[in-house]
Amino acid sequence: MDFATFARESTLNREAYEQLRDQIRGDYAGKYVALAQGKVVGAASTFAATRKLVERLTVVPDYYLVFPANAEPDFDLIYDLVGSV
């Protein structure tokens, strides 16, 4: 993914998270949440299980975050996890 795409997606997810923070913490307490394209696209009890949910989507997003519902996601980190599922 190029940096412009990363920056655009990161900004979209950051803005969405600000609006969804309380809902995420309430609805998904104790779980890991996947956020992509400005919306929650999955949640599961482990990081790996949440990633697998994202990878099974009909259209897998180029960029997504997986984070514990009760924690602030780090929007500035870039992980290259291609092929590691």
Protein backbone atom coordinates (compact mmCIF):
# COMPACT_ATOMS: atom_id res chain seq x y z
CA MET A 1 0.00 0.00 0.00
CA ASP A 2 1.30 3.44 -0.82
CA PHE A 3 1.63 6.15 1.83
CA ALA A 4 -1.21 8.28 0.39
CA THR A 5 -3.63 5.35 0.74
CA PHE A 6 -2.38 4.66 4.26
CA ALA A 7 -2.81 8.31 5.25
CA ARG A 8 -6.32 8.50 3.78
CA GLU A 9 -7.49 5.25 5.40
CA SER A 10 -5.85 6.10 8.72
CA THR A 11 -7.60 9.47 8.82
CA LEU A 12 -10.95 7.90 7.95
CA ASN A 13 -10.56 5.27 10.66
CA ARG A 14 -9.39 7.81 13.24
CA GLU A 15 -12.45 10.02 12.60
CA ALA A 16 -14.79 7.03 12.72
CA TYR A 17 -13.23 5.77 15.95
CA GLU A 18 -13.76 9.14 17.61
CA GLN A 19 -17.48 8.82 16.86
CA LEU A 20 -17.73 5.10 17.66
CA ARG A 21 -15.45 4.88 20.74
CA ASP A 22 -18.19 4.51 23.35
CA GLN A 23 -20.21 2.11 21.21
CA ILE A 24 -17.13 -0.04 20.53
CA ARG A 25 -16.20 -0.16 24.21
CA GLY A 26 -19.75 -1.08 25.20
CA ASP A 27 -20.72 -3.49 22.42
CA TYR A 28 -17.36 -5.28 22.11
CA ALA A 29 -16.00 -5.26 25.69
CA GLY A 30 -13.41 -7.99 26.15
CA LYS A 31 -12.98 -8.50 22.41
CA TYR A 32 -10.66 -7.38 19.65
CA VAL A 33 -12.23 -5.12 17.05
CA ALA A 34 -11.36 -4.64 13.38
CA LEU A 35 -11.88 -1.17 11.97
CA ALA A 36 -11.65 -0.56 8.22
CA GLN A 37 -12.94 2.05 5.82
CA GLY A 38 -14.43 3.98 8.72
CA LYS A 39 -16.52 1.18 10.21
CA VAL A 40 -16.32 -1.87 12.44
CA VAL A 41 -15.91 -4.87 10.13
CA GLY A 42 -15.49 -7.62 12.72
CA ALA A 43 -14.83 -8.58 16.31
CA ALA A 44 -13.62 -11.73 18.04
CA SER A 45 -12.03 -12.88 21.27
CA THR A 46 -8.43 -12.87 19.98
CA PHE A 47 -6.28 -10.74 17.71
CA ALA A 48 -5.70 -13.67 15.34
CA ALA A 49 -9.39 -14.59 15.15
CA THR A 50 -10.31 -10.99 14.37
CA ARG A 51 -7.72 -10.83 11.59
CA LYS A 52 -9.12 -14.04 10.13
CA LEU A 53 -12.61 -12.50 10.07
CA VAL A 54 -11.26 -9.58 8.06
CA GLU A 55 -9.39 -11.85 5.67
CA ARG A 56 -12.65 -13.72 4.97
CA LEU A 57 -14.56 -10.61 3.91
CA THR A 58 -15.77 -10.59 0.33
CA VAL A 59 -13.59 -7.53 -0.29
CA VAL A 60 -10.56 -7.48 2.01
CA PRO A 61 -9.60 -3.88 2.81
CA ASP A 62 -6.09 -2.72 1.95
CA TYR A 63 -5.74 -1.23 5.42
CA TYR A 64 -7.42 -2.12 8.69
CA LEU A 65 -6.78 -1.94 12.41
CA VAL A 66 -7.24 -4.67 14.99
CA PHE A 67 -7.22 -3.56 18.61
CA PRO A 68 -8.70 -4.43 22.01
CA ALA A 69 -12.08 -2.72 22.37
CA ASN A 70 -11.08 -1.17 25.68
CA ALA A 71 -7.84 0.36 24.32
CA GLU A 72 -7.04 3.29 22.09
CA PRO A 73 -5.86 2.06 18.68
CA ASP A 74 -2.50 3.33 17.41
CA PHE A 75 -3.42 4.83 14.06
CA ASP A 76 0.18 5.65 13.20
CA LEU A 77 1.57 2.11 13.25
CA ILE A 78 2.09 0.30 9.99
CA TYR A 79 2.28 -3.49 10.09
CA ASP A 80 2.88 -5.58 7.03
CA LEU A 81 1.05 -8.80 7.86
CA VAL A 82 0.63 -10.07 4.32
CA GLY A 83 0.90 -13.82 4.26
CA SER A 84 1.06 -14.21 8.02
CA VAL A 85 -2.53 -15.45 8.57
